[in-house]
Amino acid sequence: MDKTTPLHQGPRPQGPRPQAPRQQGPRRPGDRNPQKEAYAVNERIKAREVRLVGDNVENGVYSIHEALRIAEDLELDLIEISPNAAPPVCKVLDYQKFLYQQKKRLKEQKAKSTKVVVKEIRFGPQTDDHDYNFKLKHAVEFLKEGSKVKAYVFFKGRSILFKEQGEVLLLRFANDLEDYGKVEQMPLLEGKRMIIMISPKKK
């Protein structure tokens, strides 16, 4: 009687059999990758007790288990906002809404801290009144729009002998702008230039 050739020849592989990947359910805020989160949330909070603050809870110190129960009863998240406090300070909020508010606040702060623009105005040591008034008008506009004004007198060749005259001109300039700006740096000679810095007055 003929023997049928087996379909599999050779030794069988050793070790555990591969398992099918598990189906994952929806992730809770506390299940996120901690390396990607800015705040510890829910079960990731390691402290034994925390201080709850906010309008939706009775403020005070609670055990972590009690604080988590309060958050669960409100169907919200326990968020550690001040981890270095003793005990850490937490709020009971919707985590996604909390992150949205934080991003919105940072965006507003960034918009307010705009870059300071510096406008330069150049004089000669013997600038006439017409040219002076023209540049003074521009300086007023710059300060009104929130820019700093860097005014300087440029001394060419032997005109450095008139540096005292240049200093008088810059001080007059600062005095004429006192309603719009304040002197940040008094006239200072740097090489061939004498410079004065005027920053806009806060509204």
N, C-alpha and C. Protein backbone atom coordinates (compact mmCIF):
# COMPACT_ATOMS: atom_id res chain seq x y z
N MET A 1 0.86 -1.19 0.00
CA MET A 1 0.00 0.00 0.00
C MET A 1 0.89 1.24 0.00
N ASP A 2 0.57 2.11 -0.96
CA ASP A 2 1.41 3.31 -1.08
C ASP A 2 1.08 4.29 0.03
N LYS A 3 2.16 4.90 0.52
CA LYS A 3 1.98 5.96 1.53
C LYS A 3 1.94 7.32 0.83
N THR A 4 0.97 8.12 1.22
CA THR A 4 0.90 9.49 0.65
C THR A 4 1.97 10.36 1.27
N THR A 5 2.54 11.21 0.43
CA THR A 5 3.59 12.13 0.90
C THR A 5 2.95 13.23 1.73
N PRO A 6 3.43 13.46 2.96
CA PRO A 6 2.82 14.52 3.78
C PRO A 6 3.03 15.90 3.13
N LEU A 7 2.05 16.79 3.37
CA LEU A 7 2.12 18.13 2.78
C LEU A 7 3.26 18.93 3.39
N HIS A 8 3.55 18.71 4.68
CA HIS A 8 4.62 19.47 5.34
C HIS A 8 5.76 18.53 5.70
N GLN A 9 6.93 18.85 5.26
CA GLN A 9 8.08 18.03 5.56
C GLN A 9 9.05 18.82 6.41
N GLY A 10 9.84 18.10 7.19
CA GLY A 10 10.84 18.77 8.01
C GLY A 10 10.31 19.05 9.40
N PRO A 11 11.16 19.54 10.28
CA PRO A 11 10.76 19.77 11.67
C PRO A 11 9.76 20.91 11.77
N ARG A 12 8.83 20.77 12.73
CA ARG A 12 7.83 21.81 12.95
C ARG A 12 8.47 22.99 13.67
N PRO A 13 8.06 24.24 13.35
CA PRO A 13 8.65 25.42 14.04
C PRO A 13 8.35 25.41 15.53
N GLN A 14 9.38 25.77 16.31
CA GLN A 14 9.24 25.80 17.76
C GLN A 14 8.76 27.19 18.21
N GLY A 15 8.32 27.25 19.46
CA GLY A 15 7.94 28.54 20.03
C GLY A 15 6.44 28.74 19.97
N PRO A 16 5.96 29.83 20.58
CA PRO A 16 4.52 30.09 20.63
C PRO A 16 3.97 30.42 19.26
N ARG A 17 2.72 30.03 19.04
CA ARG A 17 2.07 30.31 17.76
C ARG A 17 1.72 31.79 17.67
N PRO A 18 1.86 32.42 16.48
CA PRO A 18 1.50 33.85 16.34
C PRO A 18 0.02 34.06 16.60
N GLN A 19 -0.29 35.16 17.27
CA GLN A 19 -1.67 35.48 17.58
C GLN A 19 -2.15 36.63 16.72
N ALA A 20 -3.43 36.61 16.43
CA ALA A 20 -4.02 37.70 15.64
C ALA A 20 -4.03 38.96 16.47
N PRO A 21 -3.79 40.13 15.84
CA PRO A 21 -3.79 41.38 16.60
C PRO A 21 -5.15 41.66 17.22
N ARG A 22 -5.11 42.20 18.45
CA ARG A 22 -6.34 42.50 19.16
C ARG A 22 -7.01 43.75 18.57
N GLN A 23 -8.31 43.75 18.57
CA GLN A 23 -9.06 44.93 18.16
C GLN A 23 -9.06 45.92 19.32
N GLN A 24 -8.68 47.15 19.04
CA GLN A 24 -8.64 48.17 20.08
C GLN A 24 -9.92 48.98 20.06
N GLY A 25 -10.41 49.25 21.25
CA GLY A 25 -11.61 50.06 21.39
C GLY A 25 -11.25 51.53 21.40
N PRO A 26 -12.23 52.39 21.60
CA PRO A 26 -11.94 53.82 21.66
C PRO A 26 -11.03 54.17 22.82
N ARG A 27 -10.12 55.11 22.60
CA ARG A 27 -9.12 55.46 23.62
C ARG A 27 -9.68 56.56 24.50
N ARG A 28 -9.42 56.42 25.79
CA ARG A 28 -9.81 57.44 26.75
C ARG A 28 -8.67 58.44 26.88
N PRO A 29 -8.96 59.66 27.39
CA PRO A 29 -7.89 60.66 27.54
C PRO A 29 -6.71 60.15 28.35
N GLY A 30 -6.99 59.30 29.35
CA GLY A 30 -5.91 58.79 30.18
C GLY A 30 -5.07 57.73 29.50
N ASP A 31 -5.53 57.24 28.32
CA ASP A 31 -4.81 56.17 27.62
C ASP A 31 -3.85 56.70 26.56
N ARG A 32 -3.80 58.00 26.37
CA ARG A 32 -2.93 58.54 25.31
C ARG A 32 -1.46 58.33 25.64
N ASN A 33 -0.64 58.44 24.60
CA ASN A 33 0.79 58.32 24.78
C ASN A 33 1.28 59.47 25.65
N PRO A 34 1.82 59.19 26.86
CA PRO A 34 2.21 60.27 27.77
C PRO A 34 3.30 61.17 27.21
N GLN A 35 4.11 60.67 26.24
CA GLN A 35 5.19 61.49 25.69
C GLN A 35 4.64 62.61 24.81
N LYS A 36 3.40 62.45 24.32
CA LYS A 36 2.83 63.44 23.42
C LYS A 36 1.90 64.41 24.15
N GLU A 37 1.66 64.21 25.44
CA GLU A 37 0.74 65.05 26.18
C GLU A 37 1.48 66.07 27.03
N ALA A 38 0.94 67.28 27.06
CA ALA A 38 1.55 68.34 27.85
C ALA A 38 1.16 68.24 29.32
N TYR A 39 0.04 67.58 29.60
CA TYR A 39 -0.48 67.49 30.97
C TYR A 39 -0.78 66.03 31.31
N ALA A 40 -0.57 65.69 32.59
CA ALA A 40 -0.99 64.37 33.07
C ALA A 40 -2.51 64.40 33.25
N VAL A 41 -3.17 63.35 32.78
CA VAL A 41 -4.64 63.31 32.80
C VAL A 41 -5.10 61.98 33.40
N ASN A 42 -6.13 62.08 34.26
CA ASN A 42 -6.78 60.91 34.83
C ASN A 42 -5.78 59.95 35.49
N GLU A 43 -5.77 58.67 35.04
CA GLU A 43 -4.95 57.65 35.70
C GLU A 43 -3.44 57.90 35.57
N ARG A 44 -3.02 58.82 34.70
CA ARG A 44 -1.59 59.12 34.56
C ARG A 44 -1.08 60.04 35.67
N ILE A 45 -1.97 60.60 36.47
CA ILE A 45 -1.54 61.45 37.58
C ILE A 45 -1.00 60.55 38.69
N LYS A 46 0.26 60.78 39.08
CA LYS A 46 0.95 59.88 40.00
C LYS A 46 0.80 60.25 41.47
N ALA A 47 0.36 61.47 41.77
CA ALA A 47 0.29 61.91 43.16
C ALA A 47 -0.78 61.13 43.94
N ARG A 48 -0.56 60.97 45.24
CA ARG A 48 -1.54 60.28 46.07
C ARG A 48 -2.73 61.16 46.41
N GLU A 49 -2.47 62.48 46.49
CA GLU A 49 -3.56 63.42 46.73
C GLU A 49 -3.32 64.68 45.90
N VAL A 50 -4.41 65.37 45.59
CA VAL A 50 -4.34 66.55 44.74
C VAL A 50 -5.25 67.63 45.30
N ARG A 51 -4.96 68.86 44.86
CA ARG A 51 -5.82 69.98 45.24
C ARG A 51 -6.72 70.32 44.05
N LEU A 52 -8.02 70.21 44.24
CA LEU A 52 -8.97 70.54 43.18
C LEU A 52 -9.32 72.02 43.26
N VAL A 53 -9.32 72.68 42.10
CA VAL A 53 -9.73 74.08 42.00
C VAL A 53 -10.68 74.21 40.82
N GLY A 54 -11.46 75.26 40.83
CA GLY A 54 -12.39 75.50 39.72
C GLY A 54 -13.79 75.79 40.23
N ASP A 55 -14.63 76.26 39.31
CA ASP A 55 -15.99 76.65 39.68
C ASP A 55 -16.95 75.47 39.77
N ASN A 56 -16.58 74.34 39.17
CA ASN A 56 -17.52 73.22 39.11
C ASN A 56 -17.29 72.17 40.19
N VAL A 57 -16.35 72.42 41.12
CA VAL A 57 -16.08 71.47 42.20
C VAL A 57 -15.91 72.24 43.51
N GLU A 58 -16.01 71.50 44.61
CA GLU A 58 -15.71 72.11 45.90
C GLU A 58 -14.19 72.09 46.07
N ASN A 59 -13.62 73.27 46.12
CA ASN A 59 -12.16 73.37 46.17
C ASN A 59 -11.63 72.76 47.46
N GLY A 60 -10.50 72.05 47.33
CA GLY A 60 -9.89 71.44 48.50
C GLY A 60 -8.95 70.33 48.10
N VAL A 61 -8.36 69.68 49.11
CA VAL A 61 -7.42 68.58 48.89
C VAL A 61 -8.18 67.26 48.97
N TYR A 62 -7.98 66.41 47.98
CA TYR A 62 -8.65 65.11 47.89
C TYR A 62 -7.63 64.03 47.60
N SER A 63 -7.96 62.79 47.98
CA SER A 63 -7.13 61.67 47.53
C SER A 63 -7.32 61.53 46.03
N ILE A 64 -6.35 60.94 45.36
CA ILE A 64 -6.43 60.81 43.91
C ILE A 64 -7.65 59.99 43.51
N HIS A 65 -8.00 58.98 44.33
CA HIS A 65 -9.16 58.13 44.01
C HIS A 65 -10.44 58.94 44.11
N GLU A 66 -10.55 59.79 45.12
CA GLU A 66 -11.74 60.62 45.28
C GLU A 66 -11.83 61.65 44.16
N ALA A 67 -10.70 62.24 43.78
CA ALA A 67 -10.68 63.23 42.71
C ALA A 67 -11.09 62.60 41.37
N LEU A 68 -10.60 61.39 41.11
CA LEU A 68 -10.99 60.69 39.89
C LEU A 68 -12.47 60.35 39.88
N ARG A 69 -13.00 60.02 41.06
CA ARG A 69 -14.43 59.70 41.15
C ARG A 69 -15.27 60.94 40.86
N ILE A 70 -14.84 62.10 41.38
CA ILE A 70 -15.56 63.35 41.13
C ILE A 70 -15.57 63.66 39.63
N ALA A 71 -14.40 63.49 38.98
CA ALA A 71 -14.31 63.75 37.54
C ALA A 71 -15.21 62.79 36.76
N GLU A 72 -15.23 61.53 37.19
CA GLU A 72 -16.05 60.53 36.50
C GLU A 72 -17.53 60.83 36.66
N ASP A 73 -17.93 61.25 37.88
CA ASP A 73 -19.34 61.59 38.12
C ASP A 73 -19.80 62.75 37.24
N LEU A 74 -18.87 63.69 36.96
CA LEU A 74 -19.20 64.84 36.11
C LEU A 74 -18.98 64.54 34.62
N GLU A 75 -18.52 63.31 34.33
CA GLU A 75 -18.22 62.88 32.97
C GLU A 75 -17.19 63.81 32.31
N LEU A 76 -16.19 64.17 33.12
CA LEU A 76 -15.11 65.03 32.66
C LEU A 76 -13.77 64.39 32.98
N ASP A 77 -12.68 65.10 32.71
CA ASP A 77 -11.34 64.58 32.95
C ASP A 77 -10.69 65.30 34.12
N LEU A 78 -9.83 64.59 34.83
CA LEU A 78 -9.01 65.19 35.88
C LEU A 78 -7.69 65.59 35.25
N ILE A 79 -7.38 66.89 35.25
CA ILE A 79 -6.20 67.41 34.56
C ILE A 79 -5.27 68.05 35.57
N GLU A 80 -4.01 67.61 35.58
CA GLU A 80 -2.99 68.15 36.49
C GLU A 80 -2.40 69.40 35.85
N ILE A 81 -2.74 70.59 36.38
CA ILE A 81 -2.29 71.83 35.75
C ILE A 81 -1.05 72.42 36.42
N SER A 82 -0.79 72.05 37.68
CA SER A 82 0.43 72.52 38.37
C SER A 82 1.08 71.34 39.08
N PRO A 83 1.89 70.55 38.34
CA PRO A 83 2.46 69.33 38.91
C PRO A 83 3.48 69.58 40.01
N ASN A 84 4.10 70.77 40.03
CA ASN A 84 5.15 71.03 41.01
C ASN A 84 4.64 71.59 42.33
N ALA A 85 3.34 71.86 42.40
CA ALA A 85 2.77 72.34 43.66
C ALA A 85 2.69 71.19 44.65
N ALA A 86 2.50 71.51 45.94
CA ALA A 86 2.39 70.47 46.96
C ALA A 86 1.09 70.69 47.75
N PRO A 87 0.07 69.86 47.53
CA PRO A 87 -0.02 68.81 46.49
C PRO A 87 -0.28 69.41 45.11
N PRO A 88 -0.11 68.60 44.05
CA PRO A 88 -0.35 69.10 42.70
C PRO A 88 -1.77 69.65 42.54
N VAL A 89 -1.90 70.70 41.73
CA VAL A 89 -3.21 71.33 41.51
C VAL A 89 -3.85 70.73 40.27
N CYS A 90 -5.13 70.38 40.39
CA CYS A 90 -5.86 69.77 39.28
C CYS A 90 -7.18 70.51 39.04
N LYS A 91 -7.66 70.37 37.81
CA LYS A 91 -8.98 70.88 37.46
C LYS A 91 -9.78 69.74 36.84
N VAL A 92 -11.11 69.83 36.98
CA VAL A 92 -11.99 68.84 36.37
C VAL A 92 -12.65 69.50 35.17
N LEU A 93 -12.18 69.12 33.99
CA LEU A 93 -12.63 69.76 32.75
C LEU A 93 -12.66 68.74 31.62
N ASP A 94 -13.27 69.13 30.51
CA ASP A 94 -13.17 68.32 29.29
C ASP A 94 -11.78 68.56 28.71
N TYR A 95 -10.99 67.51 28.56
CA TYR A 95 -9.59 67.65 28.19
C TYR A 95 -9.41 68.29 26.81
N GLN A 96 -10.23 67.88 25.85
CA GLN A 96 -10.10 68.44 24.50
C GLN A 96 -10.43 69.93 24.48
N LYS A 97 -11.46 70.33 25.21
CA LYS A 97 -11.81 71.75 25.29
C LYS A 97 -10.71 72.53 26.02
N PHE A 98 -10.13 71.90 27.04
CA PHE A 98 -9.04 72.54 27.80
C PHE A 98 -7.85 72.80 26.89
N LEU A 99 -7.46 71.82 26.07
CA LEU A 99 -6.34 71.99 25.14
C LEU A 99 -6.63 73.08 24.12
N TYR A 100 -7.88 73.12 23.65
CA TYR A 100 -8.27 74.14 22.66
C TYR A 100 -8.13 75.54 23.26
N GLN A 101 -8.59 75.71 24.51
CA GLN A 101 -8.50 77.01 25.17
C GLN A 101 -7.03 77.41 25.38
N GLN A 102 -6.18 76.43 25.74
CA GLN A 102 -4.75 76.71 25.94
C GLN A 102 -4.10 77.19 24.64
N LYS A 103 -4.41 76.51 23.53
CA LYS A 103 -3.84 76.88 22.23
C LYS A 103 -4.33 78.26 21.81
N LYS A 104 -5.61 78.54 22.08
CA LYS A 104 -6.18 79.83 21.73
C LYS A 104 -5.51 80.96 22.52
N ARG A 105 -5.25 80.70 23.82
CA ARG A 105 -4.61 81.70 24.68
C ARG A 105 -3.17 81.97 24.21
N LEU A 106 -2.44 80.90 23.86
CA LEU A 106 -1.07 81.07 23.38
C LEU A 106 -1.01 81.85 22.07
N LYS A 107 -1.99 81.60 21.22
CA LYS A 107 -2.06 82.30 19.94
C LYS A 107 -2.30 83.80 20.15
N GLU A 108 -3.18 84.12 21.12
CA GLU A 108 -3.47 85.52 21.42
C GLU A 108 -2.25 86.21 22.01
N GLN A 109 -1.53 85.50 22.90
CA GLN A 109 -0.32 86.07 23.50
C GLN A 109 0.74 86.33 22.44
N LYS A 110 0.86 85.40 21.49
CA LYS A 110 1.84 85.55 20.42
C LYS A 110 1.51 86.75 19.54
N ALA A 111 0.21 86.96 19.30
CA ALA A 111 -0.22 88.08 18.47
C ALA A 111 0.09 89.41 19.15
N LYS A 112 -0.03 89.44 20.49
CA LYS A 112 0.24 90.68 21.23
C LYS A 112 1.73 91.00 21.28
N SER A 113 2.55 89.95 21.39
CA SER A 113 4.00 90.18 21.49
C SER A 113 4.60 90.26 20.09
N THR A 114 4.15 91.26 19.33
CA THR A 114 4.64 91.44 17.97
C THR A 114 6.08 91.95 17.98
N LYS A 115 6.75 91.73 16.88
CA LYS A 115 8.15 92.16 16.77
C LYS A 115 8.24 93.68 16.80
N VAL A 116 9.23 94.18 17.53
CA VAL A 116 9.45 95.62 17.60
C VAL A 116 10.21 96.04 16.35
N VAL A 117 9.63 97.00 15.63
CA VAL A 117 10.27 97.51 14.41
C VAL A 117 11.07 98.76 14.76
N VAL A 118 12.27 98.86 14.24
CA VAL A 118 13.13 100.03 14.46
C VAL A 118 13.29 100.78 13.15
N LYS A 119 12.86 102.05 13.16
CA LYS A 119 13.00 102.90 11.97
C LYS A 119 14.20 103.83 12.17
N GLU A 120 15.01 103.97 11.13
CA GLU A 120 16.19 104.83 11.23
C GLU A 120 15.97 106.16 10.53
N ILE A 121 16.45 107.20 11.18
CA ILE A 121 16.40 108.55 10.60
C ILE A 121 17.81 109.14 10.67
N ARG A 122 18.28 109.59 9.53
CA ARG A 122 19.66 110.09 9.44
C ARG A 122 19.69 111.61 9.28
N PHE A 123 20.55 112.21 10.04
CA PHE A 123 20.80 113.65 9.94
C PHE A 123 22.26 113.90 9.57
N GLY A 124 22.51 115.07 9.01
CA GLY A 124 23.87 115.57 8.89
C GLY A 124 24.11 116.53 10.05
N PRO A 125 25.36 116.84 10.37
CA PRO A 125 25.63 117.71 11.52
C PRO A 125 25.10 119.12 11.34
N GLN A 126 24.81 119.54 10.09
CA GLN A 126 24.30 120.88 9.85
C GLN A 126 23.00 120.82 9.06
N THR A 127 22.06 120.01 9.56
CA THR A 127 20.75 119.84 8.91
C THR A 127 19.95 121.14 9.01
N ASP A 128 19.36 121.59 7.88
CA ASP A 128 18.56 122.82 7.93
C ASP A 128 17.17 122.53 8.50
N ASP A 129 16.43 123.60 8.82
CA ASP A 129 15.13 123.46 9.49
C ASP A 129 14.10 122.71 8.64
N HIS A 130 14.13 122.94 7.33
CA HIS A 130 13.16 122.27 6.45
C HIS A 130 13.35 120.75 6.50
N ASP A 131 14.60 120.32 6.36
CA ASP A 131 14.91 118.89 6.40
C ASP A 131 14.61 118.31 7.78
N TYR A 132 14.93 119.09 8.81
CA TYR A 132 14.68 118.65 10.18
C TYR A 132 13.19 118.41 10.42
N ASN A 133 12.36 119.36 10.03
CA ASN A 133 10.91 119.24 10.26
C ASN A 133 10.30 118.10 9.45
N PHE A 134 10.84 117.87 8.26
CA PHE A 134 10.37 116.76 7.42
C PHE A 134 10.63 115.42 8.12
N LYS A 135 11.82 115.28 8.68
CA LYS A 135 12.18 114.04 9.37
C LYS A 135 11.47 113.91 10.72
N LEU A 136 11.21 115.03 11.35
CA LEU A 136 10.46 115.03 12.61
C LEU A 136 9.04 114.50 12.39
N LYS A 137 8.43 114.92 11.29
CA LYS A 137 7.08 114.46 10.95
C LYS A 137 7.05 112.95 10.75
N HIS A 138 8.06 112.43 10.06
CA HIS A 138 8.15 110.98 9.84
C HIS A 138 8.33 110.25 11.17
N ALA A 139 9.15 110.81 12.05
CA ALA A 139 9.40 110.17 13.35
C ALA A 139 8.11 110.09 14.17
N VAL A 140 7.29 111.14 14.11
CA VAL A 140 6.00 111.14 14.82
C VAL A 140 5.13 109.99 14.31
N GLU A 141 5.09 109.81 13.01
CA GLU A 141 4.29 108.73 12.41
C GLU A 141 4.81 107.36 12.83
N PHE A 142 6.13 107.21 12.86
CA PHE A 142 6.72 105.92 13.26
C PHE A 142 6.36 105.58 14.71
N LEU A 143 6.47 106.57 15.58
CA LEU A 143 6.18 106.33 17.00
C LEU A 143 4.70 106.06 17.21
N LYS A 144 3.84 106.71 16.47
CA LYS A 144 2.40 106.50 16.59
C LYS A 144 2.02 105.07 16.21
N GLU A 145 2.73 104.52 15.22
CA GLU A 145 2.42 103.15 14.77
C GLU A 145 3.08 102.09 15.63
N GLY A 146 3.85 102.54 16.66
CA GLY A 146 4.45 101.59 17.60
C GLY A 146 5.88 101.21 17.31
N SER A 147 6.50 101.84 16.34
CA SER A 147 7.90 101.54 16.01
C SER A 147 8.85 102.38 16.86
N LYS A 148 10.04 101.84 17.10
CA LYS A 148 11.09 102.62 17.74
C LYS A 148 11.78 103.48 16.68
N VAL A 149 12.36 104.58 17.13
CA VAL A 149 13.09 105.46 16.21
C VAL A 149 14.55 105.50 16.63
N LYS A 150 15.41 105.16 15.67
CA LYS A 150 16.85 105.25 15.88
C LYS A 150 17.34 106.41 15.01
N ALA A 151 17.56 107.55 15.66
CA ALA A 151 18.02 108.73 14.93
C ALA A 151 19.52 108.89 15.13
N TYR A 152 20.19 109.27 14.07
CA TYR A 152 21.64 109.44 14.21
C TYR A 152 22.15 110.55 13.30
N VAL A 153 23.23 111.14 13.76
CA VAL A 153 23.94 112.14 12.96
C VAL A 153 25.20 111.48 12.41
N PHE A 154 25.34 111.55 11.10
CA PHE A 154 26.51 110.93 10.45
C PHE A 154 27.57 112.00 10.19
N PHE A 155 28.75 111.75 10.71
CA PHE A 155 29.85 112.70 10.56
C PHE A 155 30.77 112.21 9.44
N LYS A 156 30.86 113.00 8.39
CA LYS A 156 31.69 112.62 7.25
C LYS A 156 32.98 113.45 7.25
N GLY A 157 34.10 112.77 7.20
CA GLY A 157 35.38 113.46 7.15
C GLY A 157 35.62 114.33 8.37
N ARG A 158 35.93 115.61 8.12
CA ARG A 158 36.27 116.52 9.21
C ARG A 158 35.04 117.04 9.96
N SER A 159 33.85 116.66 9.51
CA SER A 159 32.65 117.12 10.21
C SER A 159 32.54 116.55 11.62
N ILE A 160 33.41 115.57 11.96
CA ILE A 160 33.44 115.03 13.32
C ILE A 160 33.75 116.13 14.33
N LEU A 161 34.34 117.22 13.85
CA LEU A 161 34.64 118.36 14.73
C LEU A 161 33.36 119.00 15.26
N PHE A 162 32.22 118.72 14.59
CA PHE A 162 30.95 119.31 14.99
C PHE A 162 30.10 118.33 15.81
N LYS A 163 30.76 117.40 16.53
CA LYS A 163 30.00 116.39 17.25
C LYS A 163 29.11 117.01 18.33
N GLU A 164 29.57 118.12 18.96
CA GLU A 164 28.72 118.78 19.96
C GLU A 164 27.45 119.32 19.31
N GLN A 165 27.60 119.82 18.09
CA GLN A 165 26.45 120.33 17.35
C GLN A 165 25.47 119.20 17.03
N GLY A 166 26.02 118.03 16.71
CA GLY A 166 25.17 116.86 16.45
C GLY A 166 24.43 116.43 17.69
N GLU A 167 25.08 116.48 18.83
CA GLU A 167 24.43 116.08 20.09
C GLU A 167 23.27 117.03 20.42
N VAL A 168 23.47 118.32 20.20
CA VAL A 168 22.42 119.31 20.44
C VAL A 168 21.21 119.03 19.54
N LEU A 169 21.50 118.68 18.28
CA LEU A 169 20.42 118.39 17.32
C LEU A 169 19.59 117.19 17.78
N LEU A 170 20.25 116.14 18.23
CA LEU A 170 19.54 114.93 18.66
C LEU A 170 18.72 115.18 19.93
N LEU A 171 19.25 115.96 20.84
CA LEU A 171 18.51 116.27 22.07
C LEU A 171 17.28 117.14 21.75
N ARG A 172 17.43 118.05 20.78
CA ARG A 172 16.28 118.84 20.33
C ARG A 172 15.23 117.93 19.70
N PHE A 173 15.70 116.98 18.92
CA PHE A 173 14.81 116.00 18.27
C PHE A 173 14.01 115.22 19.31
N ALA A 174 14.70 114.73 20.36
CA ALA A 174 14.04 113.98 21.42
C ALA A 174 13.03 114.84 22.16
N ASN A 175 13.38 116.11 22.38
CA ASN A 175 12.49 117.03 23.08
C ASN A 175 11.22 117.30 22.27
N ASP A 176 11.37 117.44 20.95
CA ASP A 176 10.22 117.69 20.08
C ASP A 176 9.30 116.47 19.97
N LEU A 177 9.82 115.30 20.34
CA LEU A 177 9.03 114.06 20.26
C LEU A 177 8.52 113.58 21.62
N GLU A 178 8.68 114.40 22.64
CA GLU A 178 8.37 113.93 24.00
C GLU A 178 6.90 113.55 24.19
N ASP A 179 6.00 114.09 23.37
CA ASP A 179 4.58 113.73 23.48
C ASP A 179 4.30 112.36 22.87
N TYR A 180 5.22 111.84 22.08
CA TYR A 180 4.98 110.59 21.37
C TYR A 180 5.94 109.46 21.78
N GLY A 181 7.10 109.82 22.32
CA GLY A 181 8.06 108.80 22.68
C GLY A 181 8.94 109.23 23.84
N LYS A 182 9.68 108.27 24.36
CA LYS A 182 10.62 108.55 25.45
C LYS A 182 12.02 108.08 25.05
N VAL A 183 13.01 108.78 25.56
CA VAL A 183 14.39 108.46 25.21
C VAL A 183 14.80 107.16 25.88
N GLU A 184 15.23 106.21 25.06
CA GLU A 184 15.68 104.91 25.57
C GLU A 184 17.20 104.91 25.72
N GLN A 185 17.86 105.66 24.88
CA GLN A 185 19.33 105.77 24.94
C GLN A 185 19.72 107.19 24.57
N MET A 186 20.44 107.86 25.46
CA MET A 186 20.92 109.23 25.21
C MET A 186 21.94 109.21 24.07
N PRO A 187 22.20 110.39 23.45
CA PRO A 187 23.15 110.45 22.34
C PRO A 187 24.49 109.78 22.67
N LEU A 188 24.88 108.85 21.82
CA LEU A 188 26.10 108.08 22.04
C LEU A 188 26.89 108.01 20.74
N LEU A 189 28.16 108.35 20.81
CA LEU A 189 29.01 108.34 19.62
C LEU A 189 29.54 106.93 19.37
N GLU A 190 29.21 106.38 18.19
CA GLU A 190 29.70 105.07 17.77
C GLU A 190 30.37 105.21 16.42
N GLY A 191 31.69 105.27 16.43
CA GLY A 191 32.43 105.47 15.18
C GLY A 191 32.14 106.84 14.60
N LYS A 192 31.55 106.87 13.39
CA LYS A 192 31.23 108.14 12.74
C LYS A 192 29.77 108.55 12.94
N ARG A 193 29.09 107.83 13.82
CA ARG A 193 27.67 108.13 14.03
C ARG A 193 27.39 108.44 15.50
N MET A 194 26.55 109.44 15.74
CA MET A 194 26.06 109.71 17.09
C MET A 194 24.57 109.31 17.09
N ILE A 195 24.22 108.40 17.98
CA ILE A 195 22.91 107.75 17.93
C ILE A 195 22.09 108.06 19.16
N ILE A 196 20.78 108.21 18.93
CA ILE A 196 19.82 108.31 20.04
C ILE A 196 18.67 107.35 19.73
N MET A 197 18.18 106.64 20.76
CA MET A 197 17.07 105.70 20.59
C MET A 197 15.84 106.25 21.30
N ILE A 198 14.70 106.25 20.60
CA ILE A 198 13.45 106.74 21.17
C ILE A 198 12.39 105.66 20.97
N SER A 199 11.74 105.26 22.06
CA SER A 199 10.71 104.23 21.98
C SER A 199 9.34 104.87 22.15
N PRO A 200 8.30 104.27 21.53
CA PRO A 200 6.97 104.86 21.60
C PRO A 200 6.40 104.80 23.02
N LYS A 201 5.60 105.80 23.36
CA LYS A 201 4.94 105.80 24.66
C LYS A 201 3.78 104.81 24.62
N LYS A 202 3.57 104.12 25.75
CA LYS A 202 2.48 103.16 25.83
C LYS A 202 1.16 103.91 25.89
N LYS A 203 0.19 103.38 25.15
CA LYS A 203 -1.12 104.05 25.12
C LYS A 203 -1.93 103.69 26.37
